[in-house]
Amino acid sequence: MGIRFDDIDAINATVNDEWSDWGPVFEMTQDKVNQFAELTGDHQWIHVDVERANAGPFGGPIAHGFFTLSLMASISPRTEAFEGVTGAVNYGANKLRFLSPVPIPSQLQCKTRLLKAEAKGSGTLLTSEAVIHEVGNERPAVLYEMLTLYM
C-alpha cells in the first residue's frame, strides 16, 4: 500500500464509497454449525435440531449470527498492510446488524470498505464496514462497522 499506519491524512485520502472485491467463499454446513454450538453452548433448536427447524419459520436450520460474524477473519478480502505496523487489535464495533438468516447449507462471502482513520494514542484507529452475504442473496446477512487499532 505504501502508506504508513500513522499517516492519518494519507489513509483518509483513500476513503471512498467503493467496496472491496469479495473475499474467499466459506461453506456453511450443519456439521460446522453443530461444532460452533458445542464450543459456545448455544444449542438453540433453530440451529441444531434439523427436523424441528425444517418445520420452523425459516424452513430449515440457520447458522448462528455470531458464528457468521466470527468468519470475518477467514472470509474478509486480503488488503495490503500499512507500513510500520507492529500490531493490530480488534477495538470493538460501532454497529452490528444481523439482517437476514444464513440457511444451512449455504456459501458465504464478505467485502469491506474503509470509512475513516483517526489518531488514537500512539496508534491509528480505523473504522471499516463489512458485509457478509450468502452467495446469490442481494441482502446482507451481516452488516458490521468495526474498529481496528493499528500500532
N, C-alpha and C. Protein backbone atom coordinates (compact mmCIF):
# COMPACT_ATOMS: atom_id res chain seq x y z
N MET A 1 0.83 -1.19 0.00
CA MET A 1 0.00 0.00 0.00
C MET A 1 0.87 1.25 0.00
N GLY A 2 2.01 1.19 0.68
CA GLY A 2 2.92 2.31 0.68
C GLY A 2 2.54 3.45 1.61
N ILE A 3 1.56 3.24 2.48
CA ILE A 3 1.14 4.28 3.43
C ILE A 3 1.50 3.82 4.84
N ARG A 4 2.10 4.72 5.60
CA ARG A 4 2.40 4.41 7.00
C ARG A 4 1.10 4.39 7.79
N PHE A 5 1.05 3.49 8.79
CA PHE A 5 -0.15 3.33 9.59
C PHE A 5 -0.51 4.59 10.38
N ASP A 6 0.47 5.47 10.60
CA ASP A 6 0.21 6.68 11.39
C ASP A 6 0.05 7.94 10.52
N ASP A 7 -0.03 7.77 9.22
CA ASP A 7 -0.26 8.90 8.32
C ASP A 7 -1.78 9.02 8.08
N ILE A 8 -2.44 9.64 9.05
CA ILE A 8 -3.90 9.73 9.07
C ILE A 8 -4.44 10.39 7.79
N ASP A 9 -3.82 11.48 7.39
CA ASP A 9 -4.30 12.20 6.19
C ASP A 9 -4.21 11.33 4.94
N ALA A 10 -3.11 10.60 4.80
CA ALA A 10 -2.94 9.75 3.62
C ALA A 10 -3.95 8.59 3.62
N ILE A 11 -4.20 8.03 4.78
CA ILE A 11 -5.19 6.95 4.86
C ILE A 11 -6.57 7.48 4.52
N ASN A 12 -6.94 8.61 5.12
CA ASN A 12 -8.26 9.18 4.87
C ASN A 12 -8.44 9.60 3.41
N ALA A 13 -7.34 9.90 2.73
CA ALA A 13 -7.42 10.26 1.31
C ALA A 13 -7.83 9.06 0.45
N THR A 14 -7.69 7.85 0.97
CA THR A 14 -8.07 6.65 0.22
C THR A 14 -9.53 6.26 0.44
N VAL A 15 -10.21 6.91 1.38
CA VAL A 15 -11.61 6.58 1.69
C VAL A 15 -12.50 6.96 0.52
N ASN A 16 -13.37 6.03 0.14
CA ASN A 16 -14.37 6.29 -0.90
C ASN A 16 -15.56 5.35 -0.67
N ASP A 17 -16.54 5.42 -1.52
CA ASP A 17 -17.75 4.60 -1.35
C ASP A 17 -17.62 3.20 -1.95
N GLU A 18 -16.50 2.90 -2.57
CA GLU A 18 -16.32 1.61 -3.25
C GLU A 18 -16.07 0.48 -2.25
N TRP A 19 -16.72 -0.65 -2.51
CA TRP A 19 -16.47 -1.85 -1.74
C TRP A 19 -15.27 -2.59 -2.32
N SER A 20 -14.60 -3.36 -1.50
CA SER A 20 -13.52 -4.22 -1.97
C SER A 20 -14.08 -5.33 -2.85
N ASP A 21 -13.20 -6.10 -3.42
CA ASP A 21 -13.62 -7.34 -4.08
C ASP A 21 -14.12 -8.29 -2.99
N TRP A 22 -14.82 -9.34 -3.42
CA TRP A 22 -15.26 -10.36 -2.48
C TRP A 22 -14.07 -11.16 -1.97
N GLY A 23 -14.13 -11.56 -0.72
CA GLY A 23 -13.13 -12.46 -0.16
C GLY A 23 -13.45 -13.89 -0.53
N PRO A 24 -12.71 -14.84 0.02
CA PRO A 24 -12.93 -16.25 -0.31
C PRO A 24 -14.30 -16.74 0.17
N VAL A 25 -14.81 -17.75 -0.49
CA VAL A 25 -16.11 -18.33 -0.15
C VAL A 25 -15.95 -19.32 1.01
N PHE A 26 -16.90 -19.30 1.92
CA PHE A 26 -16.95 -20.23 3.05
C PHE A 26 -18.17 -21.11 2.92
N GLU A 27 -18.00 -22.40 3.07
CA GLU A 27 -19.11 -23.36 3.01
C GLU A 27 -19.69 -23.53 4.41
N MET A 28 -20.92 -23.05 4.61
CA MET A 28 -21.60 -23.23 5.89
C MET A 28 -22.34 -24.55 5.85
N THR A 29 -21.99 -25.44 6.77
CA THR A 29 -22.59 -26.77 6.82
C THR A 29 -23.21 -27.02 8.19
N GLN A 30 -24.06 -28.02 8.26
CA GLN A 30 -24.66 -28.37 9.55
C GLN A 30 -23.61 -28.85 10.54
N ASP A 31 -22.62 -29.58 10.05
CA ASP A 31 -21.54 -30.05 10.93
C ASP A 31 -20.80 -28.88 11.57
N LYS A 32 -20.50 -27.85 10.79
CA LYS A 32 -19.80 -26.68 11.33
C LYS A 32 -20.67 -25.94 12.34
N VAL A 33 -21.96 -25.83 12.06
CA VAL A 33 -22.88 -25.17 12.99
C VAL A 33 -22.95 -25.98 14.30
N ASN A 34 -23.00 -27.29 14.20
CA ASN A 34 -23.03 -28.13 15.39
C ASN A 34 -21.75 -27.97 16.22
N GLN A 35 -20.61 -27.87 15.54
CA GLN A 35 -19.35 -27.67 16.24
C GLN A 35 -19.35 -26.32 16.96
N PHE A 36 -19.87 -25.28 16.30
CA PHE A 36 -19.95 -23.96 16.94
C PHE A 36 -20.86 -24.03 18.18
N ALA A 37 -21.98 -24.75 18.05
CA ALA A 37 -22.89 -24.91 19.18
C ALA A 37 -22.19 -25.59 20.35
N GLU A 38 -21.39 -26.60 20.07
CA GLU A 38 -20.65 -27.29 21.13
C GLU A 38 -19.65 -26.35 21.81
N LEU A 39 -18.94 -25.55 21.01
CA LEU A 39 -17.94 -24.63 21.56
C LEU A 39 -18.56 -23.55 22.43
N THR A 40 -19.73 -23.07 22.04
CA THR A 40 -20.32 -21.92 22.72
C THR A 40 -21.42 -22.29 23.70
N GLY A 41 -21.92 -23.50 23.61
CA GLY A 41 -23.03 -23.90 24.46
C GLY A 41 -24.38 -23.39 23.97
N ASP A 42 -24.41 -22.83 22.77
CA ASP A 42 -25.65 -22.31 22.18
C ASP A 42 -26.29 -23.39 21.33
N HIS A 43 -27.19 -24.16 21.92
CA HIS A 43 -27.83 -25.28 21.25
C HIS A 43 -29.28 -24.97 20.88
N GLN A 44 -29.57 -23.70 20.61
CA GLN A 44 -30.94 -23.34 20.24
C GLN A 44 -31.39 -24.19 19.05
N TRP A 45 -32.62 -24.67 19.11
CA TRP A 45 -33.14 -25.62 18.12
C TRP A 45 -33.08 -25.10 16.70
N ILE A 46 -33.23 -23.81 16.50
CA ILE A 46 -33.25 -23.24 15.15
C ILE A 46 -31.91 -23.48 14.42
N HIS A 47 -30.87 -23.79 15.20
CA HIS A 47 -29.54 -24.04 14.64
C HIS A 47 -29.20 -25.52 14.54
N VAL A 48 -29.59 -26.31 15.54
CA VAL A 48 -29.06 -27.67 15.65
C VAL A 48 -30.10 -28.78 15.53
N ASP A 49 -31.36 -28.51 15.66
CA ASP A 49 -32.40 -29.54 15.54
C ASP A 49 -33.00 -29.45 14.14
N VAL A 50 -32.42 -30.19 13.21
CA VAL A 50 -32.77 -30.09 11.79
C VAL A 50 -34.25 -30.39 11.57
N GLU A 51 -34.75 -31.44 12.17
CA GLU A 51 -36.15 -31.82 11.97
C GLU A 51 -37.09 -30.72 12.44
N ARG A 52 -36.86 -30.22 13.64
CA ARG A 52 -37.71 -29.15 14.16
C ARG A 52 -37.54 -27.87 13.35
N ALA A 53 -36.30 -27.54 12.96
CA ALA A 53 -36.04 -26.33 12.18
C ALA A 53 -36.70 -26.40 10.80
N ASN A 54 -36.78 -27.60 10.22
CA ASN A 54 -37.44 -27.75 8.92
C ASN A 54 -38.90 -27.31 8.98
N ALA A 55 -39.52 -27.45 10.13
CA ALA A 55 -40.92 -27.03 10.32
C ALA A 55 -41.00 -25.62 10.91
N GLY A 56 -39.87 -24.99 11.13
CA GLY A 56 -39.82 -23.68 11.77
C GLY A 56 -39.99 -22.52 10.80
N PRO A 57 -39.75 -21.33 11.27
CA PRO A 57 -40.03 -20.12 10.49
C PRO A 57 -39.16 -19.91 9.26
N PHE A 58 -38.00 -20.58 9.19
CA PHE A 58 -37.09 -20.38 8.06
C PHE A 58 -37.06 -21.58 7.12
N GLY A 59 -37.84 -22.61 7.41
CA GLY A 59 -37.91 -23.78 6.55
C GLY A 59 -36.71 -24.68 6.64
N GLY A 60 -35.88 -24.47 7.63
CA GLY A 60 -34.68 -25.28 7.84
C GLY A 60 -33.79 -24.61 8.86
N PRO A 61 -32.71 -25.28 9.25
CA PRO A 61 -31.80 -24.68 10.23
C PRO A 61 -31.04 -23.49 9.65
N ILE A 62 -30.70 -22.58 10.53
CA ILE A 62 -29.89 -21.41 10.14
C ILE A 62 -28.66 -21.33 11.03
N ALA A 63 -27.63 -20.70 10.53
CA ALA A 63 -26.39 -20.53 11.28
C ALA A 63 -26.57 -19.48 12.37
N HIS A 64 -25.82 -19.63 13.43
CA HIS A 64 -25.78 -18.62 14.49
C HIS A 64 -25.27 -17.31 13.91
N GLY A 65 -25.85 -16.20 14.32
CA GLY A 65 -25.37 -14.90 13.88
C GLY A 65 -23.93 -14.66 14.28
N PHE A 66 -23.57 -15.01 15.52
CA PHE A 66 -22.20 -14.77 15.96
C PHE A 66 -21.21 -15.72 15.31
N PHE A 67 -21.65 -16.89 14.89
CA PHE A 67 -20.78 -17.77 14.09
C PHE A 67 -20.49 -17.09 12.77
N THR A 68 -21.53 -16.59 12.12
CA THR A 68 -21.35 -15.92 10.84
C THR A 68 -20.40 -14.73 10.98
N LEU A 69 -20.60 -13.93 12.02
CA LEU A 69 -19.71 -12.78 12.26
C LEU A 69 -18.27 -13.24 12.49
N SER A 70 -18.09 -14.32 13.23
CA SER A 70 -16.74 -14.77 13.56
C SER A 70 -15.93 -15.21 12.34
N LEU A 71 -16.60 -15.40 11.22
CA LEU A 71 -15.91 -15.80 9.99
C LEU A 71 -15.12 -14.66 9.36
N MET A 72 -15.30 -13.44 9.87
CA MET A 72 -14.62 -12.27 9.29
C MET A 72 -13.13 -12.52 9.07
N ALA A 73 -12.48 -13.16 10.02
CA ALA A 73 -11.03 -13.36 9.89
C ALA A 73 -10.67 -14.23 8.69
N SER A 74 -11.53 -15.17 8.34
CA SER A 74 -11.18 -16.08 7.24
C SER A 74 -11.79 -15.72 5.90
N ILE A 75 -12.88 -14.93 5.88
CA ILE A 75 -13.52 -14.64 4.59
C ILE A 75 -13.39 -13.18 4.14
N SER A 76 -12.77 -12.35 4.96
CA SER A 76 -12.54 -10.97 4.52
C SER A 76 -11.52 -10.95 3.41
N PRO A 77 -11.70 -10.06 2.45
CA PRO A 77 -10.69 -9.96 1.39
C PRO A 77 -9.36 -9.49 1.98
N ARG A 78 -8.30 -9.98 1.44
CA ARG A 78 -6.97 -9.57 1.91
C ARG A 78 -6.63 -8.22 1.27
N THR A 79 -6.20 -7.31 2.12
CA THR A 79 -5.78 -6.00 1.63
C THR A 79 -4.32 -5.80 1.99
N GLU A 80 -3.69 -4.89 1.29
CA GLU A 80 -2.29 -4.63 1.57
C GLU A 80 -2.17 -3.98 2.94
N ALA A 81 -1.17 -4.38 3.68
CA ALA A 81 -0.95 -3.86 5.02
C ALA A 81 -0.31 -2.48 4.98
N PHE A 82 -0.55 -1.73 6.03
CA PHE A 82 0.12 -0.44 6.17
C PHE A 82 1.56 -0.66 6.59
N GLU A 83 2.41 0.29 6.26
CA GLU A 83 3.81 0.20 6.65
C GLU A 83 4.00 0.61 8.10
N GLY A 84 4.98 -0.01 8.75
CA GLY A 84 5.35 0.36 10.11
C GLY A 84 4.48 -0.23 11.21
N VAL A 85 3.57 -1.11 10.87
CA VAL A 85 2.66 -1.70 11.88
C VAL A 85 3.40 -2.77 12.67
N THR A 86 3.32 -2.67 14.00
CA THR A 86 3.87 -3.72 14.86
C THR A 86 2.78 -4.62 15.42
N GLY A 87 1.54 -4.17 15.32
CA GLY A 87 0.42 -4.99 15.78
C GLY A 87 -0.90 -4.31 15.47
N ALA A 88 -1.94 -5.11 15.46
CA ALA A 88 -3.29 -4.59 15.25
C ALA A 88 -4.23 -5.41 16.11
N VAL A 89 -5.21 -4.72 16.73
CA VAL A 89 -6.16 -5.41 17.60
C VAL A 89 -7.58 -4.98 17.26
N ASN A 90 -8.51 -5.89 17.49
CA ASN A 90 -9.92 -5.59 17.36
C ASN A 90 -10.27 -4.65 18.51
N TYR A 91 -10.75 -3.46 18.20
CA TYR A 91 -11.04 -2.45 19.21
C TYR A 91 -12.53 -2.39 19.56
N GLY A 92 -13.35 -3.07 18.76
CA GLY A 92 -14.78 -3.09 19.05
C GLY A 92 -15.60 -2.84 17.81
N ALA A 93 -16.83 -2.38 18.04
CA ALA A 93 -17.76 -2.17 16.93
C ALA A 93 -18.62 -0.95 17.21
N ASN A 94 -18.96 -0.24 16.15
CA ASN A 94 -19.94 0.84 16.25
C ASN A 94 -21.33 0.33 15.95
N LYS A 95 -21.43 -0.64 15.06
CA LYS A 95 -22.74 -1.14 14.64
C LYS A 95 -22.61 -2.59 14.23
N LEU A 96 -23.60 -3.37 14.61
CA LEU A 96 -23.68 -4.77 14.21
C LEU A 96 -25.14 -5.09 13.99
N ARG A 97 -25.46 -5.59 12.79
CA ARG A 97 -26.83 -5.98 12.46
C ARG A 97 -26.81 -7.34 11.78
N PHE A 98 -27.74 -8.20 12.20
CA PHE A 98 -27.97 -9.48 11.54
C PHE A 98 -29.22 -9.29 10.69
N LEU A 99 -29.04 -9.08 9.39
CA LEU A 99 -30.11 -8.62 8.52
C LEU A 99 -30.90 -9.72 7.83
N SER A 100 -30.30 -10.88 7.63
CA SER A 100 -31.03 -11.99 7.03
C SER A 100 -30.42 -13.30 7.53
N PRO A 101 -31.26 -14.34 7.62
CA PRO A 101 -30.76 -15.63 8.11
C PRO A 101 -29.80 -16.28 7.12
N VAL A 102 -28.90 -17.09 7.66
CA VAL A 102 -27.96 -17.86 6.85
C VAL A 102 -28.42 -19.31 6.87
N PRO A 103 -29.03 -19.77 5.77
CA PRO A 103 -29.53 -21.14 5.74
C PRO A 103 -28.38 -22.15 5.68
N ILE A 104 -28.70 -23.36 6.12
CA ILE A 104 -27.72 -24.44 6.08
C ILE A 104 -28.24 -25.49 5.11
N PRO A 105 -27.49 -25.85 4.09
CA PRO A 105 -26.15 -25.35 3.75
C PRO A 105 -26.24 -24.05 2.95
N SER A 106 -25.13 -23.34 2.91
CA SER A 106 -25.00 -22.15 2.08
C SER A 106 -23.53 -21.82 1.90
N GLN A 107 -23.29 -20.86 1.03
CA GLN A 107 -21.94 -20.35 0.81
C GLN A 107 -21.96 -18.88 1.20
N LEU A 108 -20.92 -18.44 1.90
CA LEU A 108 -20.84 -17.06 2.36
C LEU A 108 -19.59 -16.39 1.81
N GLN A 109 -19.71 -15.07 1.62
CA GLN A 109 -18.53 -14.28 1.24
C GLN A 109 -18.68 -12.88 1.83
N CYS A 110 -17.57 -12.16 1.86
CA CYS A 110 -17.50 -10.88 2.55
C CYS A 110 -16.81 -9.84 1.67
N LYS A 111 -17.23 -8.59 1.84
CA LYS A 111 -16.50 -7.47 1.23
C LYS A 111 -16.47 -6.35 2.26
N THR A 112 -15.50 -5.45 2.10
CA THR A 112 -15.27 -4.41 3.10
C THR A 112 -15.01 -3.07 2.43
N ARG A 113 -15.06 -2.03 3.26
CA ARG A 113 -14.62 -0.70 2.81
C ARG A 113 -14.21 0.11 4.04
N LEU A 114 -13.23 0.96 3.82
CA LEU A 114 -12.72 1.83 4.87
C LEU A 114 -13.60 3.07 4.98
N LEU A 115 -13.97 3.42 6.21
CA LEU A 115 -14.79 4.61 6.44
C LEU A 115 -13.98 5.80 6.92
N LYS A 116 -13.02 5.57 7.84
CA LYS A 116 -12.19 6.68 8.31
C LYS A 116 -11.03 6.17 9.15
N ALA A 117 -10.07 7.04 9.31
CA ALA A 117 -8.92 6.79 10.18
C ALA A 117 -8.78 7.98 11.12
N GLU A 118 -8.38 7.69 12.36
CA GLU A 118 -8.15 8.76 13.33
C GLU A 118 -7.04 8.35 14.29
N ALA A 119 -6.33 9.34 14.81
CA ALA A 119 -5.28 9.07 15.78
C ALA A 119 -5.92 8.60 17.09
N LYS A 120 -5.30 7.60 17.70
CA LYS A 120 -5.76 7.08 18.99
C LYS A 120 -4.53 6.72 19.79
N GLY A 121 -4.17 7.56 20.75
CA GLY A 121 -2.94 7.34 21.49
C GLY A 121 -1.76 7.34 20.55
N SER A 122 -0.93 6.31 20.64
CA SER A 122 0.23 6.20 19.73
C SER A 122 -0.11 5.36 18.50
N GLY A 123 -1.39 5.08 18.31
CA GLY A 123 -1.79 4.26 17.18
C GLY A 123 -2.77 4.96 16.26
N THR A 124 -3.33 4.20 15.35
CA THR A 124 -4.32 4.69 14.40
C THR A 124 -5.54 3.79 14.49
N LEU A 125 -6.69 4.42 14.72
CA LEU A 125 -7.94 3.69 14.81
C LEU A 125 -8.66 3.77 13.46
N LEU A 126 -8.86 2.60 12.83
CA LEU A 126 -9.58 2.54 11.57
C LEU A 126 -11.01 2.10 11.81
N THR A 127 -11.93 2.81 11.18
CA THR A 127 -13.33 2.40 11.18
C THR A 127 -13.62 1.86 9.78
N SER A 128 -14.06 0.62 9.72
CA SER A 128 -14.35 -0.05 8.46
C SER A 128 -15.74 -0.64 8.51
N GLU A 129 -16.29 -0.88 7.34
CA GLU A 129 -17.59 -1.53 7.25
C GLU A 129 -17.42 -2.82 6.48
N ALA A 130 -18.09 -3.85 6.94
CA ALA A 130 -18.05 -5.14 6.27
C ALA A 130 -19.46 -5.67 6.12
N VAL A 131 -19.69 -6.39 5.04
CA VAL A 131 -20.94 -7.10 4.85
C VAL A 131 -20.61 -8.55 4.51
N ILE A 132 -21.38 -9.45 5.10
CA ILE A 132 -21.29 -10.87 4.78
C ILE A 132 -22.60 -11.24 4.10
N HIS A 133 -22.48 -11.83 2.93
CA HIS A 133 -23.64 -12.23 2.14
C HIS A 133 -23.64 -13.73 1.94
N GLU A 134 -24.83 -14.30 1.87
CA GLU A 134 -24.98 -15.63 1.31
C GLU A 134 -24.80 -15.44 -0.20
N VAL A 135 -23.98 -16.26 -0.83
CA VAL A 135 -23.75 -16.13 -2.26
C VAL A 135 -25.10 -16.21 -2.98
N GLY A 136 -25.34 -15.22 -3.83
CA GLY A 136 -26.58 -15.16 -4.59
C GLY A 136 -27.69 -14.37 -3.92
N ASN A 137 -27.50 -13.96 -2.68
CA ASN A 137 -28.51 -13.19 -1.97
C ASN A 137 -28.07 -11.72 -1.95
N GLU A 138 -28.89 -10.85 -2.50
CA GLU A 138 -28.58 -9.43 -2.57
C GLU A 138 -28.50 -8.78 -1.18
N ARG A 139 -29.36 -9.24 -0.27
CA ARG A 139 -29.42 -8.67 1.07
C ARG A 139 -28.32 -9.28 1.95
N PRO A 140 -27.55 -8.45 2.63
CA PRO A 140 -26.51 -8.99 3.50
C PRO A 140 -27.09 -9.79 4.66
N ALA A 141 -26.35 -10.78 5.11
CA ALA A 141 -26.69 -11.50 6.33
C ALA A 141 -26.20 -10.70 7.53
N VAL A 142 -25.01 -10.08 7.40
CA VAL A 142 -24.39 -9.33 8.49
C VAL A 142 -23.88 -8.00 7.95
N LEU A 143 -24.16 -6.95 8.71
CA LEU A 143 -23.57 -5.63 8.47
C LEU A 143 -22.80 -5.28 9.74
N TYR A 144 -21.52 -4.99 9.58
CA TYR A 144 -20.65 -4.82 10.75
C TYR A 144 -19.75 -3.61 10.54
N GLU A 145 -19.86 -2.64 11.43
CA GLU A 145 -18.95 -1.50 11.41
C GLU A 145 -17.93 -1.73 12.51
N MET A 146 -16.71 -2.06 12.09
CA MET A 146 -15.69 -2.50 13.02
C MET A 146 -14.61 -1.44 13.25
N LEU A 147 -13.99 -1.56 14.41
CA LEU A 147 -12.90 -0.68 14.79
C LEU A 147 -11.64 -1.52 14.97
N THR A 148 -10.57 -1.12 14.31
CA THR A 148 -9.30 -1.82 14.43
C THR A 148 -8.22 -0.82 14.79
N LEU A 149 -7.47 -1.11 15.84
CA LEU A 149 -6.40 -0.22 16.28
C LEU A 149 -5.07 -0.76 15.80
N TYR A 150 -4.39 0.05 14.99
CA TYR A 150 -3.06 -0.29 14.47
C TYR A 150 -2.01 0.42 15.30
N MET A 151 -0.93 -0.32 15.62
CA MET A 151 0.14 0.25 16.45
C MET A 151 1.48 0.08 15.75
